[in-house]
Protein backbone atom coordinates (compact mmCIF):
# COMPACT_ATOMS: atom_id res chain seq x y z
CA MET A 1 0.25 -0.04 0.01
CA ILE A 2 1.25 3.22 -0.87
CA THR A 3 0.21 6.84 -1.11
CA ILE A 4 0.71 8.74 -4.29
CA ASN A 5 -0.21 12.92 -3.55
CA ASN A 6 -3.04 11.99 -0.55
CA GLU A 7 -4.45 9.03 -2.72
CA PRO A 8 -4.34 5.26 -1.44
CA THR A 9 -3.29 3.00 -3.82
CA ALA A 10 -2.89 -0.95 -3.46
CA TYR A 11 0.30 -0.50 -5.34
CA THR A 12 3.25 -2.27 -4.26
CA PRO A 13 6.78 0.32 -5.44
CA ILE A 14 8.94 -1.71 -6.83
CA PHE A 15 12.98 -0.49 -7.00
CA LEU A 16 13.55 -0.48 -11.16
CA GLY A 17 17.12 1.41 -10.90
CA THR A 18 19.11 4.84 -10.08
CA THR A 19 18.97 7.45 -13.15
CA GLN A 20 20.60 10.27 -11.53
CA HIS A 21 23.90 9.54 -8.73
CA SER A 22 26.01 12.20 -9.17
CA LEU A 23 24.21 14.31 -6.66
CA ARG A 24 26.27 13.19 -3.41
CA LEU A 25 26.98 16.07 -0.57
CA SER A 26 23.29 15.68 -0.46
CA LEU A 27 22.69 12.18 -0.22
CA GLU A 28 19.74 13.00 -1.96
CA ILE A 29 19.19 10.98 -5.40
CA LEU A 30 16.68 10.45 -8.08
CA ILE A 31 15.26 6.77 -8.32
CA MET A 32 13.01 4.97 -10.77
CA VAL A 33 10.02 3.35 -8.28
CA GLY A 34 7.55 0.76 -10.38
CA MET A 35 3.97 0.58 -9.28
CA LYS A 36 2.90 -3.37 -9.10
CA LEU A 37 -0.98 -4.55 -9.16
CA ASN A 38 -1.10 -8.00 -9.83
CA ASP A 39 2.41 -8.86 -10.92
CA GLU A 40 2.11 -6.20 -13.82
CA ILE A 41 4.10 -2.15 -13.19
CA ILE A 42 1.35 -0.33 -13.58
CA GLU A 43 3.05 2.75 -14.12
CA SER A 44 6.45 4.52 -12.60
CA TYR A 45 7.90 7.49 -10.96
CA ASN A 46 11.12 8.93 -11.24
CA VAL A 47 11.68 10.39 -6.97
CA THR A 48 13.61 11.84 -4.71
CA VAL A 49 15.05 10.08 -2.18
CA SER A 50 17.14 10.58 0.74
CA ALA A 51 19.88 8.39 0.83
CA ILE A 52 20.27 8.10 4.52
CA GLU A 53 16.33 7.13 4.91
CA LEU A 54 16.98 4.74 2.19
CA GLY A 55 19.55 2.83 4.01
CA GLN A 56 21.32 0.92 0.92
CA LEU A 57 19.83 0.65 -2.67
CA PRO A 58 17.72 -2.38 -2.86
CA ASN A 59 17.93 -4.53 -6.16
CA ILE A 60 16.77 -4.14 -9.00
CA GLY A 61 12.97 -5.70 -8.96
CA SER A 62 12.94 -5.83 -5.22
CA GLN A 63 10.33 -4.05 -2.89
CA ILE A 64 11.03 -0.66 -1.72
CA ALA A 65 9.70 0.20 1.34
CA ILE A 66 7.91 3.53 0.44
CA ASP A 67 4.86 4.81 1.98
CA GLU A 68 4.47 8.29 0.04
CA ILE A 69 4.93 9.90 -2.99
CA THR A 70 3.93 13.72 -3.66
CA GLY A 71 5.09 15.70 -6.58
CA SER A 72 3.91 16.77 -10.20
CA GLU A 73 6.07 15.81 -13.28
CA LEU A 74 6.43 19.84 -13.42
CA SER A 75 7.79 20.15 -10.16
CA GLY A 76 9.43 16.51 -9.47
CA PHE A 77 8.31 13.69 -7.26
CA LYS A 78 9.64 12.59 -3.94
CA ALA A 79 9.53 10.15 -1.63
CA LYS A 80 8.56 9.46 1.67
CA ILE A 81 11.19 6.11 3.53
CA ARG A 82 8.98 4.33 6.02
CA GLN A 83 10.84 3.83 8.68
CA SER A 84 12.17 0.24 9.16
CA ASP A 85 12.76 -1.28 12.66
CA ALA A 86 15.29 -3.86 11.11
CA LYS A 87 18.71 -2.39 12.24
CA ILE A 88 19.76 -1.75 8.56
CA GLN A 89 23.62 -0.77 8.19
CA ASN A 90 23.74 2.56 5.87
CA THR A 91 25.43 1.86 3.14
CA VAL A 92 24.10 4.05 -0.25
CA SER A 93 27.27 6.54 -0.53
CA ILE A 94 29.12 3.28 -1.58
CA GLU A 95 26.99 2.38 -3.55
CA LEU A 96 26.86 5.56 -5.01
CA GLU A 97 30.47 5.95 -4.99
CA ASN A 98 30.59 2.67 -7.21
CA LEU A 99 27.95 4.21 -9.46
CA ILE A 100 29.31 6.35 -10.01
CA GLU A 101 32.66 5.38 -10.77
CA LEU A 102 30.95 2.74 -12.89
CA LYS A 103 29.95 5.43 -15.10
CA ASN A 104 33.27 7.01 -15.64
CA VAL A 105 34.45 5.26 -18.16
CA GLY A 106 38.38 6.08 -18.74
CA GLN A 107 40.92 7.68 -17.16
CA TYR A 108 42.27 11.21 -18.33
CA GLN A 109 45.81 10.59 -19.52
CA LEU A 110 48.18 12.11 -22.18
CA LEU A 111 48.05 10.03 -25.44
CA LYS A 112 50.69 9.48 -28.41
CA GLY A 113 48.11 10.17 -31.12
CA LEU A 114 46.60 7.19 -32.59
CA LYS A 115 43.88 6.85 -35.65
CA ASP A 116 41.06 7.79 -36.02
CA MET A 117 37.80 7.79 -38.40
CA THR A 118 40.08 9.71 -41.55
CA GLN A 119 43.18 10.66 -40.70
CA GLU A 120 45.83 11.13 -37.16
CA LEU A 121 44.20 12.36 -34.21
CA ASN A 122 45.74 15.44 -32.88
CA VAL A 123 47.07 15.88 -29.02
CA PRO A 124 46.98 18.89 -27.25
CA GLU A 125 49.08 20.26 -24.69
CA LEU A 126 48.25 22.78 -21.72
CA SER A 127 49.43 26.25 -22.42
CA ASN A 128 49.92 28.68 -20.16
CA ASN A 129 46.84 29.92 -20.97
CA ASN A 130 45.20 27.41 -19.60
CA LEU A 131 46.87 27.14 -16.32
CA ILE A 132 46.00 31.22 -16.04
CA LEU A 133 41.97 30.51 -16.65
CA MET A 134 42.13 27.04 -14.12
CA ARG A 135 43.92 29.16 -11.51
CA GLN A 136 40.96 31.57 -11.48
CA LEU A 137 38.77 29.29 -11.59
CA LEU A 138 40.39 28.16 -8.28
CA GLY A 139 40.10 31.50 -7.14
CA VAL A 140 43.91 31.96 -5.98
CA THR A 141 46.34 34.34 -6.70
CA GLN A 142 49.98 33.25 -7.93
CA GLN A 143 50.86 33.28 -4.92
CA GLU A 144 48.33 31.34 -2.68
CA LEU A 145 49.12 28.82 -5.96
CA ALA A 146 52.54 28.77 -5.40
CA ALA A 147 52.67 28.14 -1.51
CA ALA A 148 49.82 25.20 -2.20
CA MET A 149 52.52 24.10 -4.54
CA ASP A 150 55.21 24.23 -3.29
CA MET A 151 57.18 26.51 -4.93
CA SER A 152 58.39 30.18 -5.78
CA ARG A 153 55.85 32.73 -7.14
CA LYS A 154 58.82 33.72 -9.50
CA THR A 155 58.07 30.16 -11.20
CA VAL A 156 54.50 30.20 -11.23
CA ASN A 157 54.62 33.12 -13.19
CA ARG A 158 57.01 32.32 -15.51
CA PHE A 159 54.60 29.36 -16.36
CA GLU A 160 52.07 32.13 -17.07
CA ILE A 161 53.82 34.11 -19.12
CA GLY A 162 55.37 31.41 -21.21
CA GLU A 163 58.97 31.34 -20.36
CA GLN A 164 59.14 27.95 -18.55
CA LYS A 165 57.40 24.89 -20.34
CA ILE A 166 54.27 23.60 -17.78
CA SER A 167 55.23 19.47 -17.11
CA ASP A 168 53.35 16.31 -17.14
CA LYS A 169 54.38 16.59 -12.98
CA PHE A 170 53.74 20.18 -12.95
CA ILE A 171 49.90 18.92 -13.49
CA ASP A 172 50.43 15.47 -12.04
CA LYS A 173 51.14 17.24 -8.61
CA LEU A 174 48.33 20.58 -9.47
CA LEU A 175 45.50 17.51 -9.42
CA LEU A 176 46.60 16.39 -6.24
CA VAL A 177 46.85 19.47 -4.65
CA TYR A 178 43.18 20.44 -5.71
CA PRO A 179 41.58 17.69 -6.00
CA GLU A 180 38.81 19.23 -7.22
CA LEU A 181 39.99 19.57 -10.53
CA ALA A 182 40.26 16.09 -11.19
CA GLU A 183 36.19 15.96 -10.32
CA SER A 184 35.22 18.63 -12.79
CA ILE A 185 34.98 16.69 -15.46
CA GLU A 186 33.33 12.99 -16.52
CA VAL A 187 32.52 11.22 -19.16
CA GLN A 188 30.05 8.63 -19.75
CA PHE A 189 27.90 6.73 -22.06
CA ASP A 190 24.42 8.93 -22.63
CA TRP A 191 22.57 6.63 -25.48
CA VAL A 192 23.80 2.91 -26.24
CA SER A 193 21.66 0.81 -29.05
CA LEU A 194 22.65 -2.59 -30.34
CA THR A 195 21.56 -4.86 -33.52
CA PHE A 196 21.50 -8.70 -32.67
CA PRO A 197 20.24 -10.29 -35.44
CA ASP A 198 20.07 -14.01 -34.45
CA LEU A 199 18.48 -13.32 -30.80
CA THR A 200 15.02 -12.72 -29.88
CA SER A 201 14.13 -9.53 -27.41
CA LYS A 202 13.77 -12.04 -24.60
CA GLN A 203 16.88 -13.62 -24.92
CA VAL A 204 18.33 -10.09 -25.26
CA ILE A 205 16.79 -9.55 -21.64
CA ASN A 206 18.26 -13.40 -20.19
CA ASP A 207 21.40 -13.26 -21.97
CA ILE A 208 22.40 -9.41 -22.65
CA LEU A 209 20.71 -7.71 -19.98
CA THR A 210 20.04 -10.21 -17.17
CA ILE A 211 17.27 -8.66 -15.97
CA GLN A 212 14.25 -9.88 -14.39
CA PRO A 213 12.09 -10.09 -17.44
CA ASN A 214 9.01 -9.93 -15.24
CA LEU A 215 9.66 -5.90 -15.05
CA PHE A 216 9.36 -5.38 -18.89
CA LEU A 217 5.98 -4.45 -20.45
CA GLU A 218 5.43 -6.63 -23.68
CA ARG A 219 3.50 -4.24 -26.20
CA PRO A 220 2.84 -4.18 -30.41
CA THR A 221 4.77 -1.44 -31.85
CA SER A 222 4.80 -0.53 -35.69
CA GLN A 223 8.85 1.53 -34.85
CA ASN A 224 11.20 0.43 -37.35
CA PHE A 225 9.56 -2.10 -39.56
CA TYR A 226 9.61 -4.74 -36.24
CA THR A 227 6.05 -5.43 -34.49
CA ARG A 228 7.07 -6.11 -30.88
CA GLU A 229 8.94 -4.34 -27.87
CA MET A 230 9.69 -4.82 -24.39
CA VAL A 231 9.52 -2.14 -22.00
CA PHE A 232 11.72 -1.71 -18.63
CA ALA A 233 9.10 -0.84 -16.81
CA GLY A 234 6.51 0.37 -19.14
CA GLU A 235 8.77 3.21 -20.30
CA LYS A 236 11.40 3.32 -23.28
CA ASN A 237 14.47 4.35 -21.62
CA ILE A 238 15.40 0.27 -21.82
CA TYR A 239 13.28 -1.58 -24.42
CA ILE A 240 14.26 -3.95 -27.47
CA GLN A 241 12.43 -3.90 -30.23
CA ASP A 242 12.32 -7.27 -32.14
CA PHE A 243 9.41 -9.43 -34.03
CA ALA A 244 6.57 -11.41 -32.25
CA PRO A 245 5.61 -15.01 -32.97
CA ILE A 246 3.53 -15.81 -35.64
CA LYS A 247 1.09 -18.71 -36.55
CA ASN A 248 1.76 -20.45 -39.96
CA PRO A 249 -1.80 -19.97 -41.61
CA GLU A 250 -0.98 -23.53 -43.59
CA THR A 251 1.08 -25.80 -40.89
CA GLN A 252 -0.55 -23.86 -37.67
CA ALA A 253 3.19 -23.57 -36.04
CA ILE A 254 4.22 -20.98 -34.06
CA GLU A 255 7.53 -19.17 -36.54
CA GLN A 256 9.51 -17.11 -34.97
CA LYS A 257 11.64 -14.27 -36.79
CA TYR A 258 14.94 -14.01 -35.37
CA GLY A 259 17.12 -10.19 -35.29
CA THR A 260 16.33 -7.58 -32.09
CA THR A 261 17.73 -3.80 -31.37
CA LEU A 262 18.33 -2.86 -27.63
CA TYR A 263 17.92 0.58 -26.77
CA LEU A 264 19.67 2.57 -23.93
CA THR A 265 18.64 6.28 -23.92
CA GLY A 266 20.60 8.66 -21.99
CA LYS A 267 18.41 7.79 -18.32
CA GLY A 268 18.57 4.27 -19.42
CA THR A 269 22.56 4.25 -19.48
CA ARG A 270 21.71 5.01 -15.66
CA LEU A 271 19.15 2.36 -14.97
CA PHE A 272 21.09 0.02 -16.71
CA GLU A 273 24.87 1.05 -14.55
CA LYS A 274 22.87 -0.31 -11.47
CA ALA A 275 22.49 -3.87 -13.37
CA LEU A 276 25.96 -4.00 -14.22
CA LEU A 277 26.48 -3.22 -10.19
CA GLU A 278 24.69 -5.68 -9.48
CA GLN A 279 26.53 -8.46 -11.42
CA ASN A 280 29.53 -7.35 -11.03
CA ILE A 281 31.22 -6.31 -14.31
CA THR A 282 31.57 -2.64 -16.42
CA TRP A 283 30.46 -1.50 -19.91
CA HIS A 284 33.83 -3.00 -21.43
CA ASP A 285 32.91 -6.32 -20.06
CA PHE A 286 28.92 -5.33 -21.56
CA PHE A 287 30.28 -4.37 -24.54
CA GLN A 288 32.28 -7.38 -24.69
CA LYS A 289 29.93 -10.14 -24.23
CA ALA A 290 27.36 -8.14 -26.90
CA ARG A 291 30.21 -8.73 -29.15
CA GLN A 292 30.51 -12.34 -28.54
CA TYR A 293 26.34 -12.30 -29.93
CA ARG A 294 27.29 -10.55 -32.67
CA GLY A 295 25.76 -7.43 -30.97
CA HIS A 296 26.28 -3.91 -33.91
CA LEU A 297 26.41 -0.64 -32.60
CA THR A 298 24.12 1.54 -34.14
CA ARG A 299 24.53 4.32 -31.90
CA LEU A 300 26.83 5.71 -29.20
CA ASP A 301 26.30 8.89 -27.36
CA ILE A 302 29.21 10.04 -25.40
CA ALA A 303 28.80 12.59 -23.15
CA ILE A 304 31.60 14.98 -21.12
CA ASN A 305 30.00 16.91 -18.41
CA ASP A 306 31.22 20.46 -17.32
CA LYS A 307 30.17 20.30 -13.55
CA TRP A 308 32.86 23.10 -12.89
CA GLY A 309 31.26 25.70 -14.82
CA LEU A 310 34.33 25.58 -17.33
CA LEU A 311 32.32 26.26 -20.71
CA ASN A 312 30.46 29.34 -20.97
CA MET A 313 27.45 28.36 -23.53
CA ASN A 314 26.70 32.12 -24.18
CA ASP A 315 30.66 32.62 -25.33
CA LEU A 316 30.28 29.22 -27.14
CA VAL A 317 26.94 31.03 -29.19
CA LYS A 318 28.68 33.77 -29.82
CA ALA A 319 31.83 32.28 -31.36
CA VAL A 320 29.67 30.62 -33.07
CA GLN A 321 27.89 33.78 -34.90
CA GLU A 322 31.43 35.69 -35.10
CA LYS A 323 33.12 32.50 -36.78
CA ARG A 324 35.32 31.84 -34.24
CA PHE A 325 35.42 28.10 -34.77
CA TRP A 326 37.08 25.65 -36.61
CA SER A 327 35.32 22.19 -37.27
CA LYS A 328 35.42 19.34 -39.47
CA SER A 329 31.68 19.18 -40.78
CA LYS A 330 30.40 22.23 -42.84
CA SER A 331 26.83 21.87 -40.98
CA TYR A 332 26.52 23.77 -37.16
CA ALA A 333 23.52 25.02 -36.08
CA VAL A 334 22.19 26.98 -32.85
CA HIS A 335 18.83 26.63 -31.20
CA GLY A 336 17.39 27.84 -27.91
CA ASN A 337 18.25 30.74 -25.71
CA VAL A 338 19.92 32.83 -22.88
CA ASP A 339 16.46 31.82 -20.69
CA ASP A 340 16.30 28.53 -22.00
CA GLY A 341 20.03 27.13 -22.93
CA TRP A 342 21.77 27.26 -25.56
CA THR A 343 22.31 23.84 -28.36
CA VAL A 344 24.71 23.90 -30.72
CA ASN A 345 25.72 21.53 -33.08
CA PHE A 346 28.13 20.33 -35.34
CA GLY A 347 27.86 17.82 -38.39
CA LYS A 348 24.75 15.42 -39.43
CA SER A 349 24.25 11.76 -38.90
CA PRO A 350 26.10 9.71 -38.67
CA PHE A 351 29.04 11.97 -36.17
CA VAL A 352 27.62 15.10 -34.29
CA ILE A 353 29.07 16.88 -31.87
CA ARG A 354 26.10 18.86 -29.52
CA ALA A 355 27.15 21.36 -26.88
CA TYR A 356 25.06 22.52 -24.94
CA ASP A 357 23.67 23.90 -21.00
CA LYS A 358 22.64 20.70 -19.04
CA ARG A 359 21.69 22.22 -15.82
CA LYS A 360 18.71 23.85 -18.08
CA GLU A 361 17.67 21.31 -19.48
CA GLN A 362 17.24 19.19 -16.73
CA ALA A 363 15.43 22.04 -14.91
CA SER A 364 12.99 22.20 -17.93
CA LYS A 365 12.11 18.93 -16.56
CA GLY A 366 12.11 19.60 -12.83
CA PHE A 367 15.22 18.05 -12.01
CA ASP A 368 18.15 19.16 -10.85
CA THR A 369 21.66 18.42 -12.23
CA ASP A 370 25.33 18.96 -10.57
CA VAL A 371 26.39 19.10 -14.08
CA GLN A 372 26.42 23.17 -15.70
CA ASN A 373 27.39 21.55 -19.54
CA ARG A 374 27.36 19.10 -21.95
CA VAL A 375 29.29 18.61 -24.96
CA GLU A 376 28.54 15.02 -26.91
CA LEU A 377 29.86 13.10 -29.48
CA GLU A 378 26.99 10.93 -31.46
CA LEU A 379 28.01 8.55 -33.10
CA HIS A 380 26.02 5.91 -36.14
CA GLN A 381 27.08 2.72 -37.35
CA ASP A 382 30.29 2.48 -38.26
CA LYS A 383 31.34 5.60 -36.34
CA ALA A 384 30.01 4.19 -33.26
CA GLU A 385 31.59 1.04 -33.70
CA TYR A 386 35.12 2.42 -34.44
CA VAL A 387 35.09 3.70 -31.10
CA ILE A 388 34.04 0.41 -29.42
CA ASP A 389 36.59 -1.51 -31.93
CA GLU A 390 39.43 1.39 -30.60
CA TRP A 391 38.70 0.67 -26.92
CA LEU A 392 38.42 -2.94 -27.40
CA ASN A 393 41.34 -3.73 -29.05
CA GLN A 394 43.98 -4.65 -25.80
CA ALA A 395 47.20 -3.87 -28.31
CA ASN A 396 46.09 -0.36 -27.98
CA ASN A 397 45.42 0.20 -25.08
CA LYS A 398 43.45 3.11 -24.75
CA THR A 399 41.03 4.05 -22.84
CA LEU A 400 37.52 5.09 -24.18
CA THR A 401 38.41 8.32 -22.64
CA GLU A 402 41.21 9.25 -24.25
CA ILE A 403 39.83 8.06 -27.95
CA THR A 404 36.67 10.82 -26.73
CA PHE A 405 38.60 13.39 -26.53
CA ASP A 406 41.25 13.13 -29.05
CA ILE A 407 38.33 12.71 -31.63
CA LEU A 408 37.22 16.22 -30.17
CA TYR A 409 40.06 17.52 -30.15
CA THR A 410 40.31 17.04 -33.99
CA TYR A 411 37.14 17.55 -35.31
CA LEU A 412 36.13 21.31 -33.52
CA TRP A 413 38.18 23.88 -32.19
CA PHE A 414 37.21 27.55 -31.54
CA THR A 415 39.51 30.74 -30.77
CA ASP A 416 39.79 34.14 -29.65
CA LYS A 417 39.72 35.46 -32.78
CA PRO A 418 37.76 35.72 -35.96
CA ILE A 419 39.43 33.04 -38.93
CA GLU A 420 40.77 34.88 -41.96
CA GLU A 421 39.11 33.18 -44.49
CA LYS A 422 42.43 32.92 -46.30
CA LEU A 423 42.96 30.26 -43.54
CA LEU A 424 39.95 28.46 -44.10
CA LYS A 425 41.42 27.31 -47.80
CA ALA A 426 44.86 26.80 -46.53
CA ASP A 427 46.05 23.73 -47.38
CA LYS A 428 46.57 22.24 -43.77
CA VAL A 429 44.19 24.01 -42.61
CA ARG A 430 43.66 23.22 -39.17
CA ASP A 431 47.23 23.27 -38.60
CA THR A 432 47.68 26.88 -39.84
CA ILE A 433 44.65 28.07 -37.32
CA GLU A 434 46.72 27.33 -34.68
CA SER A 435 49.89 29.04 -35.74
CA SER A 436 48.25 31.73 -36.59
CA VAL A 437 45.04 32.85 -34.29
CA GLU A 438 45.60 32.26 -30.23
CA PRO A 439 42.67 29.08 -28.91
CA MET A 440 39.49 30.21 -26.97
CA PRO A 441 40.96 29.45 -23.50
CA ALA A 442 37.96 27.39 -21.88
CA TRP A 443 37.79 25.22 -24.72
CA SER A 444 41.74 24.19 -25.36
CA LEU A 445 41.86 23.58 -21.61
CA LEU A 446 38.81 21.54 -21.30
CA THR A 447 40.40 19.24 -24.30
CA ALA A 448 43.54 19.66 -22.39
CA LEU A 449 42.55 18.64 -19.46
CA GLY A 450 40.87 15.82 -20.22
CA HIS A 451 44.08 14.31 -21.46
CA LYS A 452 46.56 15.38 -18.56
CA MET A 453 44.11 14.03 -15.60
CA LYS A 454 43.09 11.32 -14.34
CA PHE A 455 39.93 11.05 -13.84
CA VAL A 456 39.08 7.88 -11.97
CA ARG A 457 38.59 7.96 -8.44
CA GLN A 458 39.82 5.45 -6.18
CA PRO A 459 38.60 4.42 -3.40
CA LYS A 460 38.73 7.24 -0.28
CA GLU A 461 40.96 6.36 2.79
CA GLN A 462 38.30 5.25 5.99
CA SER A 463 38.75 7.71 8.71
CA ILE A 464 37.03 9.03 12.04
CA GLU A 465 37.61 12.46 10.34
CA ARG A 466 36.00 11.88 7.26
CA ILE A 467 32.39 9.58 9.33
CA GLU A 468 32.61 12.93 10.86
CA LYS A 469 32.07 15.43 8.33
CA TRP A 470 29.74 13.35 6.61
CA VAL A 471 27.70 13.03 9.60
CA LEU A 472 28.05 17.15 10.80
CA GLU A 473 27.23 17.52 7.03
CA SER A 474 24.41 14.85 5.74
CA VAL A 475 22.79 13.69 9.22
CA VAL A 476 22.79 15.68 11.83
CA PRO A 477 20.24 17.85 10.27
CA SER A 478 17.65 14.96 9.85
CA LEU A 479 19.00 13.96 13.77
CA ALA A 480 17.77 17.08 15.17
CA VAL A 481 14.38 16.94 13.50
CA LEU A 482 14.38 13.50 15.36
CA LYS A 483 15.01 15.18 18.98
CA LYS A 484 12.63 18.31 18.04
CA THR A 485 10.03 14.99 17.54
CA GLY A 486 10.49 13.09 20.10
CA HIS A 487 12.17 10.28 18.63
CA TRP A 488 15.84 11.35 20.01
CA ALA A 489 15.69 7.71 23.26
CA GLU A 490 15.05 5.60 20.15
CA VAL A 491 18.42 7.11 18.65
CA ILE A 492 20.76 6.22 21.11
CA GLU A 493 18.84 2.79 21.68
CA ALA A 494 19.60 2.63 18.03
CA MET A 495 23.75 3.43 18.28
CA ASN A 496 23.99 1.97 21.69
CA THR A 497 22.88 -1.46 20.15
CA ALA A 498 24.04 -1.75 17.14
CA GLU A 499 26.28 -4.09 15.85
CA LEU A 500 29.43 -3.27 13.79
CA SER A 501 31.37 -4.67 11.06
CA SER A 502 34.52 -5.93 11.66
CA GLU A 503 36.49 -2.77 9.44
CA GLN A 504 34.48 -0.57 12.18
CA GLN A 505 35.44 -1.89 15.14
CA LYS A 506 39.44 -1.94 13.75
CA LEU A 507 38.22 1.42 13.15
CA VAL A 508 37.30 2.35 16.39
CA LYS A 509 39.98 -0.13 18.70
CA ALA A 510 43.06 2.00 16.34
CA THR A 511 40.84 5.74 17.11
CA MET A 512 40.85 4.71 20.70
CA ILE A 513 44.70 3.63 20.85
CA ASN A 514 45.35 7.03 18.44
CA ALA A 515 43.32 9.28 20.97
CA ILE A 516 45.49 7.72 24.30
CA THR A 517 49.11 7.55 22.77
CA GLN A 518 48.04 11.93 21.43
CA ALA A 519 49.30 10.73 18.31
CA ASN A 520 48.83 13.65 15.93
CA HIS A 521 49.71 11.65 12.69
CA LYS A 522 46.57 10.82 10.49
CA LEU A 523 45.00 7.44 11.30
CA ASN A 524 45.54 5.26 8.20
CA ILE A 525 44.07 1.87 8.67
CA ASN A 526 44.97 -0.81 6.48
CA PHE A 527 41.53 -3.32 5.96
CA GLU A 528 41.59 -6.68 5.74
CA LYS A 529 39.19 -5.71 2.75
CA PRO A 530 39.53 -2.99 0.75
CA LYS A 531 36.52 -1.90 -0.59
CA LYS A 532 36.20 -2.36 -4.27
CA ARG A 533 36.57 -0.39 -7.14
CA TYR A 534 34.62 -0.19 -10.13
CA GLN A 535 37.09 0.96 -13.13
CA GLU A 536 36.78 0.80 -16.99
CA ILE A 537 40.51 0.19 -18.04
């Protein structure tokens, strides 16, 4: 029984996955919940829930303890979690970390160059203007940067005026000193579609997706020449289209035509990542498995999320209007406005580069996001296959992120001044432009960071300080509500009777020893079972 906008229903709420799992500071996440009645999912909701109240992420298809859902499609839905008597250890923050690392499908590293779809890809270098922009975005002076980097201000100044080349060693240390840089940009899949010539939709669900079949709704379709589609929770986020079996009028035998297409939309890729997490596999493993079943990519969208506000869509649109850009494709289009957000497309199918204001786009749908702007590579058919071929090719030893940023750098470039017509007619247009016109600092920094930054996050060291910080930032407000409403005694009792894991017991013991000896050094516990990493290779 669940109440939806004060209306009691006979539905059973079922967990269907997370659709947004980057908003970790407030520990509020967006999940998809299905309403089940008589073993069938009638409808679904995308709801915001408190990770603290949730306790842990359920498995896909399991019942979730939601009492009430309120809200609307315009303003978004929120869920109230039923308080359980069971003492469940809060592990949702760890699972969100795992989901985030699964989503980020590569590392930022410096490339030596590789062959792309038409020519050898270019490799950007970090310039002095890039360093100035980074320092300005960090909000520090030359002196403050020098002190943090343990070097003289004169050295920083030499970097910024171009007298001294910026070394990889300097960038590595910069990312270590300012970890927020390493979390400012992320790369993830935003659309995946695959055709399987030898499978049916039910085989794709069982063998490729490995998701419970009863979570899919079967219905007829005439789209893409197919006659049937299987839709996860009835919404076209994860769905498969194929041919419904038919009865031969002459023999009365049931005949099944093979061939199917799997679609994972932007939201569908996020939902599916929870399934990957449960199966303990990565995107890399998934594509390898798809190849074993003769899966062929028909579309692949790779998103570069700017969470820092490094890019400014108004500046990009102005650069396009003033012809301060070069693209390998002569086709481009600008859509939108300042209030609702801009979208700029370069190229056309089978390869499009798109930049848009992600925060405004999500706000128009009633959602919040920590992504400010997004740059997408939309690849179809052979272009999409090329990228995955390069990624799966062990001889190349390239990450998906390396390939993504090399393609972006090679196919699109913004400058600080208009590009003269004669430069566009040069034999080596791109080389001539780069040697003649200064780049737009934000765009060149984006492409350079794509190779300089090690993006995949390492498991954070378990410490009393980290636990205390998390409690103060995220738990104390909820505890204050419980205290003021007369539930404090239950909280104290729960803490006194809570069972600690072996890792937590070691942490307590080590902390007590540290307090007794009045040690000032940082507590460092080497647990027997370190946190598992979900990292693409």
